[in-house]
Amino acid sequence: QVHPAEVLRDGVATKVAVKVIRPGVRRR
């Protein structure tokens, strides 16, 4: 699933997309 997030680059907040693997998906 995808989350919106912000990171600091040279002191400026930049919006990024963070894709995170689903828990337990590999075992299933």
mmCIF file of all heavy atoms, coordinates in Angstrom:
data_MODEL
# 
_entry.id   MODEL 
# 
loop_
_atom_site.group_PDB 
_atom_site.id 
_atom_site.type_symbol 
_atom_site.label_atom_id 
_atom_site.label_alt_id 
_atom_site.label_comp_id 
_atom_site.label_asym_id 
_atom_site.label_entity_id 
_atom_site.label_seq_id 
_atom_site.pdbx_PDB_ins_code 
_atom_site.Cartn_x 
_atom_site.Cartn_y 
_atom_site.Cartn_z 
_atom_site.occupancy 
_atom_site.B_iso_or_equiv 
_atom_site.pdbx_formal_charge 
_atom_site.auth_seq_id 
_atom_site.auth_comp_id 
_atom_site.auth_asym_id 
_atom_site.auth_atom_id 
_atom_site.pdbx_PDB_model_num 
ATOM 1   N N   . GLN A 1 1  ? 0.848  -1.185  0.000  1.00 0.00 ? 1  GLN A N   1 
ATOM 2   C CA  . GLN A 1 1  ? 0.000  0.000   0.000  1.00 0.00 ? 1  GLN A CA  1 
ATOM 3   C C   . GLN A 1 1  ? 0.889  1.242   0.000  1.00 0.00 ? 1  GLN A C   1 
ATOM 4   O O   . GLN A 1 1  ? 2.083  1.175   0.325  1.00 0.00 ? 1  GLN A O   1 
ATOM 5   C CB  . GLN A 1 1  ? -0.967 0.018   1.179  1.00 0.00 ? 1  GLN A CB  1 
ATOM 6   C CG  . GLN A 1 1  ? -0.350 0.175   2.536  1.00 0.00 ? 1  GLN A CG  1 
ATOM 7   C CD  . GLN A 1 1  ? -1.412 0.121   3.650  1.00 0.00 ? 1  GLN A CD  1 
ATOM 8   O OE1 . GLN A 1 1  ? -2.468 -0.487  3.507  1.00 0.00 ? 1  GLN A OE1 1 
ATOM 9   N NE2 . GLN A 1 1  ? -1.120 0.749   4.777  1.00 0.00 ? 1  GLN A NE2 1 
ATOM 10  N N   . VAL A 1 2  ? 0.288  2.379   -0.357 1.00 0.00 ? 2  VAL A N   1 
ATOM 11  C CA  . VAL A 1 2  ? 1.050  3.617   -0.549 1.00 0.00 ? 2  VAL A CA  1 
ATOM 12  C C   . VAL A 1 2  ? 0.620  4.664   0.476  1.00 0.00 ? 2  VAL A C   1 
ATOM 13  O O   . VAL A 1 2  ? -0.576 4.864   0.711  1.00 0.00 ? 2  VAL A O   1 
ATOM 14  C CB  . VAL A 1 2  ? 0.852  4.159   -1.982 1.00 0.00 ? 2  VAL A CB  1 
ATOM 15  C CG1 . VAL A 1 2  ? 1.583  5.490   -2.152 1.00 0.00 ? 2  VAL A CG1 1 
ATOM 16  C CG2 . VAL A 1 2  ? 1.353  3.145   -3.004 1.00 0.00 ? 2  VAL A CG2 1 
ATOM 17  N N   . HIS A 1 3  ? 1.630  5.324   1.073  1.00 0.00 ? 3  HIS A N   1 
ATOM 18  C CA  . HIS A 1 3  ? 1.409  6.416   2.033  1.00 0.00 ? 3  HIS A CA  1 
ATOM 19  C C   . HIS A 1 3  ? 2.039  7.699   1.490  1.00 0.00 ? 3  HIS A C   1 
ATOM 20  O O   . HIS A 1 3  ? 3.144  7.658   0.950  1.00 0.00 ? 3  HIS A O   1 
ATOM 21  C CB  . HIS A 1 3  ? 2.070  6.098   3.378  1.00 0.00 ? 3  HIS A CB  1 
ATOM 22  C CG  . HIS A 1 3  ? 1.519  4.891   4.069  1.00 0.00 ? 3  HIS A CG  1 
ATOM 23  N ND1 . HIS A 1 3  ? 0.674  4.971   5.160  1.00 0.00 ? 3  HIS A ND1 1 
ATOM 24  C CD2 . HIS A 1 3  ? 1.702  3.565   3.841  1.00 0.00 ? 3  HIS A CD2 1 
ATOM 25  C CE1 . HIS A 1 3  ? 0.367  3.746   5.556  1.00 0.00 ? 3  HIS A CE1 1 
ATOM 26  N NE2 . HIS A 1 3  ? 0.974  2.873   4.777  1.00 0.00 ? 3  HIS A NE2 1 
ATOM 27  N N   . PRO A 1 4  ? 1.363  8.842   1.686  1.00 0.00 ? 4  PRO A N   1 
ATOM 28  C CA  . PRO A 1 4  ? 2.035  10.120  1.405  1.00 0.00 ? 4  PRO A CA  1 
ATOM 29  C C   . PRO A 1 4  ? 2.949  10.469  2.592  1.00 0.00 ? 4  PRO A C   1 
ATOM 30  O O   . PRO A 1 4  ? 2.634  10.151  3.745  1.00 0.00 ? 4  PRO A O   1 
ATOM 31  C CB  . PRO A 1 4  ? 0.870  11.109  1.291  1.00 0.00 ? 4  PRO A CB  1 
ATOM 32  C CG  . PRO A 1 4  ? -0.210 10.516  2.160  1.00 0.00 ? 4  PRO A CG  1 
ATOM 33  C CD  . PRO A 1 4  ? -0.039 9.021   2.097  1.00 0.00 ? 4  PRO A CD  1 
ATOM 34  N N   . ALA A 1 5  ? 4.070  11.075  2.315  1.00 0.00 ? 5  ALA A N   1 
ATOM 35  C CA  . ALA A 1 5  ? 5.000  11.458  3.374  1.00 0.00 ? 5  ALA A CA  1 
ATOM 36  C C   . ALA A 1 5  ? 5.781  12.691  2.912  1.00 0.00 ? 5  ALA A C   1 
ATOM 37  O O   . ALA A 1 5  ? 5.677  13.117  1.749  1.00 0.00 ? 5  ALA A O   1 
ATOM 38  C CB  . ALA A 1 5  ? 5.947  10.308  3.708  1.00 0.00 ? 5  ALA A CB  1 
ATOM 39  N N   . GLU A 1 6  ? 6.540  13.250  3.838  1.00 0.00 ? 6  GLU A N   1 
ATOM 40  C CA  . GLU A 1 6  ? 7.408  14.386  3.518  1.00 0.00 ? 6  GLU A CA  1 
ATOM 41  C C   . GLU A 1 6  ? 8.812  14.099  4.016  1.00 0.00 ? 6  GLU A C   1 
ATOM 42  O O   . GLU A 1 6  ? 8.991  13.494  5.082  1.00 0.00 ? 6  GLU A O   1 
ATOM 43  C CB  . GLU A 1 6  ? 6.896  15.685  4.160  1.00 0.00 ? 6  GLU A CB  1 
ATOM 44  C CG  . GLU A 1 6  ? 5.645  16.252  3.512  1.00 0.00 ? 6  GLU A CG  1 
ATOM 45  C CD  . GLU A 1 6  ? 5.229  17.589  4.136  1.00 0.00 ? 6  GLU A CD  1 
ATOM 46  O OE1 . GLU A 1 6  ? 5.404  17.727  5.366  1.00 0.00 ? 6  GLU A OE1 1 
ATOM 47  O OE2 . GLU A 1 6  ? 4.764  18.472  3.397  1.00 0.00 ? 6  GLU A OE2 1 
ATOM 48  N N   . VAL A 1 7  ? 9.811  14.517  3.237  1.00 0.00 ? 7  VAL A N   1 
ATOM 49  C CA  . VAL A 1 7  ? 11.215 14.404  3.641  1.00 0.00 ? 7  VAL A CA  1 
ATOM 50  C C   . VAL A 1 7  ? 11.844 15.794  3.552  1.00 0.00 ? 7  VAL A C   1 
ATOM 51  O O   . VAL A 1 7  ? 11.372 16.657  2.798  1.00 0.00 ? 7  VAL A O   1 
ATOM 52  C CB  . VAL A 1 7  ? 11.992 13.416  2.754  1.00 0.00 ? 7  VAL A CB  1 
ATOM 53  C CG1 . VAL A 1 7  ? 11.387 12.013  2.861  1.00 0.00 ? 7  VAL A CG1 1 
ATOM 54  C CG2 . VAL A 1 7  ? 12.018 13.860  1.303  1.00 0.00 ? 7  VAL A CG2 1 
ATOM 55  N N   . LEU A 1 8  ? 12.886 15.991  4.330  1.00 0.00 ? 8  LEU A N   1 
ATOM 56  C CA  . LEU A 1 8  ? 13.604 17.264  4.296  1.00 0.00 ? 8  LEU A CA  1 
ATOM 57  C C   . LEU A 1 8  ? 14.819 17.136  3.383  1.00 0.00 ? 8  LEU A C   1 
ATOM 58  O O   . LEU A 1 8  ? 15.669 16.264  3.576  1.00 0.00 ? 8  LEU A O   1 
ATOM 59  C CB  . LEU A 1 8  ? 14.048 17.661  5.701  1.00 0.00 ? 8  LEU A CB  1 
ATOM 60  C CG  . LEU A 1 8  ? 12.950 18.139  6.660  1.00 0.00 ? 8  LEU A CG  1 
ATOM 61  C CD1 . LEU A 1 8  ? 13.510 18.384  8.048  1.00 0.00 ? 8  LEU A CD1 1 
ATOM 62  C CD2 . LEU A 1 8  ? 12.295 19.422  6.124  1.00 0.00 ? 8  LEU A CD2 1 
ATOM 63  N N   . ARG A 1 9  ? 14.873 17.993  2.365  1.00 0.00 ? 9  ARG A N   1 
ATOM 64  C CA  . ARG A 1 9  ? 16.017 18.037  1.465  1.00 0.00 ? 9  ARG A CA  1 
ATOM 65  C C   . ARG A 1 9  ? 16.521 19.469  1.424  1.00 0.00 ? 9  ARG A C   1 
ATOM 66  O O   . ARG A 1 9  ? 15.821 20.368  0.952  1.00 0.00 ? 9  ARG A O   1 
ATOM 67  C CB  . ARG A 1 9  ? 15.631 17.560  0.063  1.00 0.00 ? 9  ARG A CB  1 
ATOM 68  C CG  . ARG A 1 9  ? 15.284 16.067  0.037  1.00 0.00 ? 9  ARG A CG  1 
ATOM 69  C CD  . ARG A 1 9  ? 15.070 15.570  -1.369 1.00 0.00 ? 9  ARG A CD  1 
ATOM 70  N NE  . ARG A 1 9  ? 14.736 14.134  -1.341 1.00 0.00 ? 9  ARG A NE  1 
ATOM 71  C CZ  . ARG A 1 9  ? 13.757 13.582  -2.037 1.00 0.00 ? 9  ARG A CZ  1 
ATOM 72  N NH1 . ARG A 1 9  ? 12.996 14.333  -2.819 1.00 0.00 ? 9  ARG A NH1 1 
ATOM 73  N NH2 . ARG A 1 9  ? 13.534 12.286  -1.970 1.00 0.00 ? 9  ARG A NH2 1 
ATOM 74  N N   . ASP A 1 10 ? 17.727 19.668  1.959  1.00 0.00 ? 10 ASP A N   1 
ATOM 75  C CA  . ASP A 1 10 ? 18.318 21.011  2.076  1.00 0.00 ? 10 ASP A CA  1 
ATOM 76  C C   . ASP A 1 10 ? 17.398 21.945  2.850  1.00 0.00 ? 10 ASP A C   1 
ATOM 77  O O   . ASP A 1 10 ? 17.243 23.133  2.497  1.00 0.00 ? 10 ASP A O   1 
ATOM 78  C CB  . ASP A 1 10 ? 18.601 21.591  0.685  1.00 0.00 ? 10 ASP A CB  1 
ATOM 79  C CG  . ASP A 1 10 ? 19.584 20.740  -0.104 1.00 0.00 ? 10 ASP A CG  1 
ATOM 80  O OD1 . ASP A 1 10 ? 20.507 20.179  0.525  1.00 0.00 ? 10 ASP A OD1 1 
ATOM 81  O OD2 . ASP A 1 10 ? 19.434 20.636  -1.338 1.00 0.00 ? 10 ASP A OD2 1 
ATOM 82  N N   . GLY A 1 11 ? 16.762 21.383  3.889  1.00 0.00 ? 11 GLY A N   1 
ATOM 83  C CA  . GLY A 1 11 ? 15.893 22.176  4.750  1.00 0.00 ? 11 GLY A CA  1 
ATOM 84  C C   . GLY A 1 11 ? 14.514 22.441  4.192  1.00 0.00 ? 11 GLY A C   1 
ATOM 85  O O   . GLY A 1 11 ? 13.703 23.115  4.840  1.00 0.00 ? 11 GLY A O   1 
ATOM 86  N N   . VAL A 1 12 ? 14.207 21.905  3.011  1.00 0.00 ? 12 VAL A N   1 
ATOM 87  C CA  . VAL A 1 12 ? 12.905 22.135  2.378  1.00 0.00 ? 12 VAL A CA  1 
ATOM 88  C C   . VAL A 1 12 ? 12.101 20.835  2.421  1.00 0.00 ? 12 VAL A C   1 
ATOM 89  O O   . VAL A 1 12 ? 12.615 19.765  2.065  1.00 0.00 ? 12 VAL A O   1 
ATOM 90  C CB  . VAL A 1 12 ? 13.085 22.598  0.915  1.00 0.00 ? 12 VAL A CB  1 
ATOM 91  C CG1 . VAL A 1 12 ? 11.723 22.790  0.253  1.00 0.00 ? 12 VAL A CG1 1 
ATOM 92  C CG2 . VAL A 1 12 ? 13.898 23.878  0.860  1.00 0.00 ? 12 VAL A CG2 1 
ATOM 93  N N   . ALA A 1 13 ? 10.842 20.906  2.863  1.00 0.00 ? 13 ALA A N   1 
ATOM 94  C CA  . ALA A 1 13 ? 9.969  19.729  2.919  1.00 0.00 ? 13 ALA A CA  1 
ATOM 95  C C   . ALA A 1 13 ? 9.523  19.360  1.508  1.00 0.00 ? 13 ALA A C   1 
ATOM 96  O O   . ALA A 1 13 ? 8.994  20.199  0.772  1.00 0.00 ? 13 ALA A O   1 
ATOM 97  C CB  . ALA A 1 13 ? 8.758  20.008  3.804  1.00 0.00 ? 13 ALA A CB  1 
ATOM 98  N N   . THR A 1 14 ? 9.751  18.108  1.140  1.00 0.00 ? 14 THR A N   1 
ATOM 99  C CA  . THR A 1 14 ? 9.386  17.603  -0.192 1.00 0.00 ? 14 THR A CA  1 
ATOM 100 C C   . THR A 1 14 ? 8.458  16.414  -0.036 1.00 0.00 ? 14 THR A C   1 
ATOM 101 O O   . THR A 1 14 ? 8.744  15.486  0.729  1.00 0.00 ? 14 THR A O   1 
ATOM 102 C CB  . THR A 1 14 ? 10.643 17.173  -0.971 1.00 0.00 ? 14 THR A CB  1 
ATOM 103 O OG1 . THR A 1 14 ? 11.556 18.272  -1.049 1.00 0.00 ? 14 THR A OG1 1 
ATOM 104 C CG2 . THR A 1 14 ? 10.276 16.711  -2.377 1.00 0.00 ? 14 THR A CG2 1 
ATOM 105 N N   . LYS A 1 15 ? 7.345  16.429  -0.766 1.00 0.00 ? 15 LYS A N   1 
ATOM 106 C CA  . LYS A 1 15 ? 6.378  15.340  -0.675 1.00 0.00 ? 15 LYS A CA  1 
ATOM 107 C C   . LYS A 1 15 ? 6.870  14.125  -1.451 1.00 0.00 ? 15 LYS A C   1 
ATOM 108 O O   . LYS A 1 15 ? 7.380  14.244  -2.570 1.00 0.00 ? 15 LYS A O   1 
ATOM 109 C CB  . LYS A 1 15 ? 5.019  15.783  -1.216 1.00 0.00 ? 15 LYS A CB  1 
ATOM 110 C CG  . LYS A 1 15 ? 3.878  14.807  -0.912 1.00 0.00 ? 15 LYS A CG  1 
ATOM 111 C CD  . LYS A 1 15 ? 2.527  15.377  -1.330 1.00 0.00 ? 15 LYS A CD  1 
ATOM 112 C CE  . LYS A 1 15 ? 1.385  14.443  -0.946 1.00 0.00 ? 15 LYS A CE  1 
ATOM 113 N NZ  . LYS A 1 15 ? 0.059  14.982  -1.359 1.00 0.00 ? 15 LYS A NZ  1 
ATOM 114 N N   . VAL A 1 16 ? 6.712  12.949  -0.849 1.00 0.00 ? 16 VAL A N   1 
ATOM 115 C CA  . VAL A 1 16 ? 7.115  11.694  -1.491 1.00 0.00 ? 16 VAL A CA  1 
ATOM 116 C C   . VAL A 1 16 ? 6.005  10.662  -1.317 1.00 0.00 ? 16 VAL A C   1 
ATOM 117 O O   . VAL A 1 16 ? 5.111  10.817  -0.483 1.00 0.00 ? 16 VAL A O   1 
ATOM 118 C CB  . VAL A 1 16 ? 8.432  11.138  -0.885 1.00 0.00 ? 16 VAL A CB  1 
ATOM 119 C CG1 . VAL A 1 16 ? 9.601  12.051  -1.201 1.00 0.00 ? 16 VAL A CG1 1 
ATOM 120 C CG2 . VAL A 1 16 ? 8.286  10.908  0.618  1.00 0.00 ? 16 VAL A CG2 1 
ATOM 121 N N   . ALA A 1 17 ? 6.075  9.598   -2.118 1.00 0.00 ? 17 ALA A N   1 
ATOM 122 C CA  . ALA A 1 17 ? 5.179  8.447   -1.985 1.00 0.00 ? 17 ALA A CA  1 
ATOM 123 C C   . ALA A 1 17 ? 5.978  7.300   -1.384 1.00 0.00 ? 17 ALA A C   1 
ATOM 124 O O   . ALA A 1 17 ? 7.088  7.004   -1.843 1.00 0.00 ? 17 ALA A O   1 
ATOM 125 C CB  . ALA A 1 17 ? 4.614  8.049   -3.336 1.00 0.00 ? 17 ALA A CB  1 
ATOM 126 N N   . VAL A 1 18 ? 5.409  6.641   -0.362 1.00 0.00 ? 18 VAL A N   1 
ATOM 127 C CA  . VAL A 1 18 ? 6.092  5.537   0.312  1.00 0.00 ? 18 VAL A CA  1 
ATOM 128 C C   . VAL A 1 18 ? 5.258  4.269   0.122  1.00 0.00 ? 18 VAL A C   1 
ATOM 129 O O   . VAL A 1 18 ? 4.122  4.182   0.595  1.00 0.00 ? 18 VAL A O   1 
ATOM 130 C CB  . VAL A 1 18 ? 6.292  5.822   1.813  1.00 0.00 ? 18 VAL A CB  1 
ATOM 131 C CG1 . VAL A 1 18 ? 7.102  4.699   2.465  1.00 0.00 ? 18 VAL A CG1 1 
ATOM 132 C CG2 . VAL A 1 18 ? 6.980  7.166   2.018  1.00 0.00 ? 18 VAL A CG2 1 
ATOM 133 N N   . LYS A 1 19 ? 5.812  3.317   -0.561 1.00 0.00 ? 19 LYS A N   1 
ATOM 134 C CA  . LYS A 1 19 ? 5.147  2.038   -0.815 1.00 0.00 ? 19 LYS A CA  1 
ATOM 135 C C   . LYS A 1 19 ? 5.661  1.029   0.208  1.00 0.00 ? 19 LYS A C   1 
ATOM 136 O O   . LYS A 1 19 ? 6.876  0.798   0.308  1.00 0.00 ? 19 LYS A O   1 
ATOM 137 C CB  . LYS A 1 19 ? 5.459  1.573   -2.238 1.00 0.00 ? 19 LYS A CB  1 
ATOM 138 C CG  . LYS A 1 19 ? 4.671  0.366   -2.702 1.00 0.00 ? 19 LYS A CG  1 
ATOM 139 C CD  . LYS A 1 19 ? 4.947  0.103   -4.195 1.00 0.00 ? 19 LYS A CD  1 
ATOM 140 C CE  . LYS A 1 19 ? 4.127  -1.057  -4.718 1.00 0.00 ? 19 LYS A CE  1 
ATOM 141 N NZ  . LYS A 1 19 ? 4.365  -1.269  -6.174 1.00 0.00 ? 19 LYS A NZ  1 
ATOM 142 N N   . VAL A 1 20 ? 4.736  0.410   0.957  1.00 0.00 ? 20 VAL A N   1 
ATOM 143 C CA  . VAL A 1 20 ? 5.114  -0.499  2.052  1.00 0.00 ? 20 VAL A CA  1 
ATOM 144 C C   . VAL A 1 20 ? 4.499  -1.870  1.799  1.00 0.00 ? 20 VAL A C   1 
ATOM 145 O O   . VAL A 1 20 ? 3.301  -1.976  1.478  1.00 0.00 ? 20 VAL A O   1 
ATOM 146 C CB  . VAL A 1 20 ? 4.646  0.049   3.413  1.00 0.00 ? 20 VAL A CB  1 
ATOM 147 C CG1 . VAL A 1 20 ? 5.145  -0.845  4.550  1.00 0.00 ? 20 VAL A CG1 1 
ATOM 148 C CG2 . VAL A 1 20 ? 5.128  1.480   3.617  1.00 0.00 ? 20 VAL A CG2 1 
ATOM 149 N N   . ILE A 1 21 ? 5.296  -2.910  1.952  1.00 0.00 ? 21 ILE A N   1 
ATOM 150 C CA  . ILE A 1 21 ? 4.840  -4.279  1.697  1.00 0.00 ? 21 ILE A CA  1 
ATOM 151 C C   . ILE A 1 21 ? 3.774  -4.674  2.712  1.00 0.00 ? 21 ILE A C   1 
ATOM 152 O O   . ILE A 1 21 ? 3.795  -4.224  3.871  1.00 0.00 ? 21 ILE A O   1 
ATOM 153 C CB  . ILE A 1 21 ? 6.035  -5.254  1.748  1.00 0.00 ? 21 ILE A CB  1 
ATOM 154 C CG1 . ILE A 1 21 ? 5.819  -6.473  0.850  1.00 0.00 ? 21 ILE A CG1 1 
ATOM 155 C CG2 . ILE A 1 21 ? 6.327  -5.699  3.154  1.00 0.00 ? 21 ILE A CG2 1 
ATOM 156 C CD1 . ILE A 1 21 ? 6.066  -6.233  -0.589 1.00 0.00 ? 21 ILE A CD1 1 
ATOM 157 N N   . ARG A 1 22 ? 2.818  -5.480  2.313  1.00 0.00 ? 22 ARG A N   1 
ATOM 158 C CA  . ARG A 1 22 ? 1.730  -5.920  3.196  1.00 0.00 ? 22 ARG A CA  1 
ATOM 159 C C   . ARG A 1 22 ? 2.257  -6.948  4.203  1.00 0.00 ? 22 ARG A C   1 
ATOM 160 O O   . ARG A 1 22 ? 2.954  -7.897  3.807  1.00 0.00 ? 22 ARG A O   1 
ATOM 161 C CB  . ARG A 1 22 ? 0.602  -6.532  2.361  1.00 0.00 ? 22 ARG A CB  1 
ATOM 162 C CG  . ARG A 1 22 ? -0.648 -6.916  3.131  1.00 0.00 ? 22 ARG A CG  1 
ATOM 163 C CD  . ARG A 1 22 ? -1.743 -7.364  2.170  1.00 0.00 ? 22 ARG A CD  1 
ATOM 164 N NE  . ARG A 1 22 ? -2.303 -6.231  1.456  1.00 0.00 ? 22 ARG A NE  1 
ATOM 165 C CZ  . ARG A 1 22 ? -3.269 -5.439  1.933  1.00 0.00 ? 22 ARG A CZ  1 
ATOM 166 N NH1 . ARG A 1 22 ? -3.784 -5.691  3.132  1.00 0.00 ? 22 ARG A NH1 1 
ATOM 167 N NH2 . ARG A 1 22 ? -3.727 -4.429  1.231  1.00 0.00 ? 22 ARG A NH2 1 
ATOM 168 N N   . PRO A 1 23 ? 1.951  -6.811  5.492  1.00 0.00 ? 23 PRO A N   1 
ATOM 169 C CA  . PRO A 1 23 ? 2.454  -7.764  6.498  1.00 0.00 ? 23 PRO A CA  1 
ATOM 170 C C   . PRO A 1 23 ? 1.987  -9.191  6.207  1.00 0.00 ? 23 PRO A C   1 
ATOM 171 O O   . PRO A 1 23 ? 0.821  -9.421  5.884  1.00 0.00 ? 23 PRO A O   1 
ATOM 172 C CB  . PRO A 1 23 ? 1.853  -7.253  7.817  1.00 0.00 ? 23 PRO A CB  1 
ATOM 173 C CG  . PRO A 1 23 ? 1.481  -5.829  7.558  1.00 0.00 ? 23 PRO A CG  1 
ATOM 174 C CD  . PRO A 1 23 ? 1.139  -5.745  6.109  1.00 0.00 ? 23 PRO A CD  1 
ATOM 175 N N   . GLY A 1 24 ? 2.911  -10.141 6.310  1.00 0.00 ? 24 GLY A N   1 
ATOM 176 C CA  . GLY A 1 24 ? 2.575  -11.552 6.140  1.00 0.00 ? 24 GLY A CA  1 
ATOM 177 C C   . GLY A 1 24 ? 2.313  -11.991 4.722  1.00 0.00 ? 24 GLY A C   1 
ATOM 178 O O   . GLY A 1 24 ? 1.968  -13.156 4.477  1.00 0.00 ? 24 GLY A O   1 
ATOM 179 N N   . VAL A 1 25 ? 2.503  -11.093 3.737  1.00 0.00 ? 25 VAL A N   1 
ATOM 180 C CA  . VAL A 1 25 ? 2.130  -11.430 2.365  1.00 0.00 ? 25 VAL A CA  1 
ATOM 181 C C   . VAL A 1 25 ? 3.049  -12.501 1.785  1.00 0.00 ? 25 VAL A C   1 
ATOM 182 O O   . VAL A 1 25 ? 2.608  -13.351 1.017  1.00 0.00 ? 25 VAL A O   1 
ATOM 183 C CB  . VAL A 1 25 ? 2.128  -10.159 1.480  1.00 0.00 ? 25 VAL A CB  1 
ATOM 184 C CG1 . VAL A 1 25 ? 3.528  -9.630  1.246  1.00 0.00 ? 25 VAL A CG1 1 
ATOM 185 C CG2 . VAL A 1 25 ? 1.434  -10.439 0.148  1.00 0.00 ? 25 VAL A CG2 1 
ATOM 186 N N   . ARG A 1 26 ? 4.329  -12.483 2.180  1.00 0.00 ? 26 ARG A N   1 
ATOM 187 C CA  . ARG A 1 26 ? 5.248  -13.485 1.626  1.00 0.00 ? 26 ARG A CA  1 
ATOM 188 C C   . ARG A 1 26 ? 4.876  -14.898 2.102  1.00 0.00 ? 26 ARG A C   1 
ATOM 189 O O   . ARG A 1 26 ? 4.900  -15.846 1.319  1.00 0.00 ? 26 ARG A O   1 
ATOM 190 C CB  . ARG A 1 26 ? 6.690  -13.151 2.026  1.00 0.00 ? 26 ARG A CB  1 
ATOM 191 C CG  . ARG A 1 26 ? 7.236  -11.882 1.374  1.00 0.00 ? 26 ARG A CG  1 
ATOM 192 C CD  . ARG A 1 26 ? 8.719  -11.710 1.656  1.00 0.00 ? 26 ARG A CD  1 
ATOM 193 N NE  . ARG A 1 26 ? 9.227  -10.484 1.065  1.00 0.00 ? 26 ARG A NE  1 
ATOM 194 C CZ  . ARG A 1 26 ? 9.264  -9.312  1.685  1.00 0.00 ? 26 ARG A CZ  1 
ATOM 195 N NH1 . ARG A 1 26 ? 8.815  -9.222  2.927  1.00 0.00 ? 26 ARG A NH1 1 
ATOM 196 N NH2 . ARG A 1 26 ? 9.743  -8.235  1.090  1.00 0.00 ? 26 ARG A NH2 1 
ATOM 197 N N   . ARG A 1 27 ? 4.543  -15.027 3.384  1.00 0.00 ? 27 ARG A N   1 
ATOM 198 C CA  . ARG A 1 27 ? 4.168  -16.343 3.917  1.00 0.00 ? 27 ARG A CA  1 
ATOM 199 C C   . ARG A 1 27 ? 2.898  -16.852 3.230  1.00 0.00 ? 27 ARG A C   1 
ATOM 200 O O   . ARG A 1 27 ? 2.811  -18.024 2.842  1.00 0.00 ? 27 ARG A O   1 
ATOM 201 C CB  . ARG A 1 27 ? 3.952  -16.246 5.428  1.00 0.00 ? 27 ARG A CB  1 
ATOM 202 C CG  . ARG A 1 27 ? 3.496  -17.566 6.079  1.00 0.00 ? 27 ARG A CG  1 
ATOM 203 C CD  . ARG A 1 27 ? 3.286  -17.382 7.579  1.00 0.00 ? 27 ARG A CD  1 
ATOM 204 N NE  . ARG A 1 27 ? 2.365  -16.312 7.850  1.00 0.00 ? 27 ARG A NE  1 
ATOM 205 C CZ  . ARG A 1 27 ? 1.036  -16.420 7.771  1.00 0.00 ? 27 ARG A CZ  1 
ATOM 206 N NH1 . ARG A 1 27 ? 0.487  -17.574 7.431  1.00 0.00 ? 27 ARG A NH1 1 
ATOM 207 N NH2 . ARG A 1 27 ? 0.259  -15.392 8.048  1.00 0.00 ? 27 ARG A NH2 1 
ATOM 208 N N   . ARG A 1 28 ? 1.914  -15.974 3.046  1.00 0.00 ? 28 ARG A N   1 
ATOM 209 C CA  . ARG A 1 28 ? 0.657  -16.374 2.400  1.00 0.00 ? 28 ARG A CA  1 
ATOM 210 C C   . ARG A 1 28 ? 0.898  -16.793 0.957  1.00 0.00 ? 28 ARG A C   1 
ATOM 211 O O   . ARG A 1 28 ? 0.350  -17.805 0.479  1.00 0.00 ? 28 ARG A O   1 
ATOM 212 C CB  . ARG A 1 28 ? -0.335 -15.205 2.469  1.00 0.00 ? 28 ARG A CB  1 
ATOM 213 C CG  . ARG A 1 28 ? -1.666 -15.475 1.771  1.00 0.00 ? 28 ARG A CG  1 
ATOM 214 C CD  . ARG A 1 28 ? -2.467 -16.560 2.476  1.00 0.00 ? 28 ARG A CD  1 
ATOM 215 N NE  . ARG A 1 28 ? -3.695 -16.861 1.761  1.00 0.00 ? 28 ARG A NE  1 
ATOM 216 C CZ  . ARG A 1 28 ? -4.846 -16.215 1.956  1.00 0.00 ? 28 ARG A CZ  1 
ATOM 217 N NH1 . ARG A 1 28 ? -4.920 -15.219 2.843  1.00 0.00 ? 28 ARG A NH1 1 
ATOM 218 N NH2 . ARG A 1 28 ? -5.920 -16.554 1.289  1.00 0.00 ? 28 ARG A NH2 1 
# 
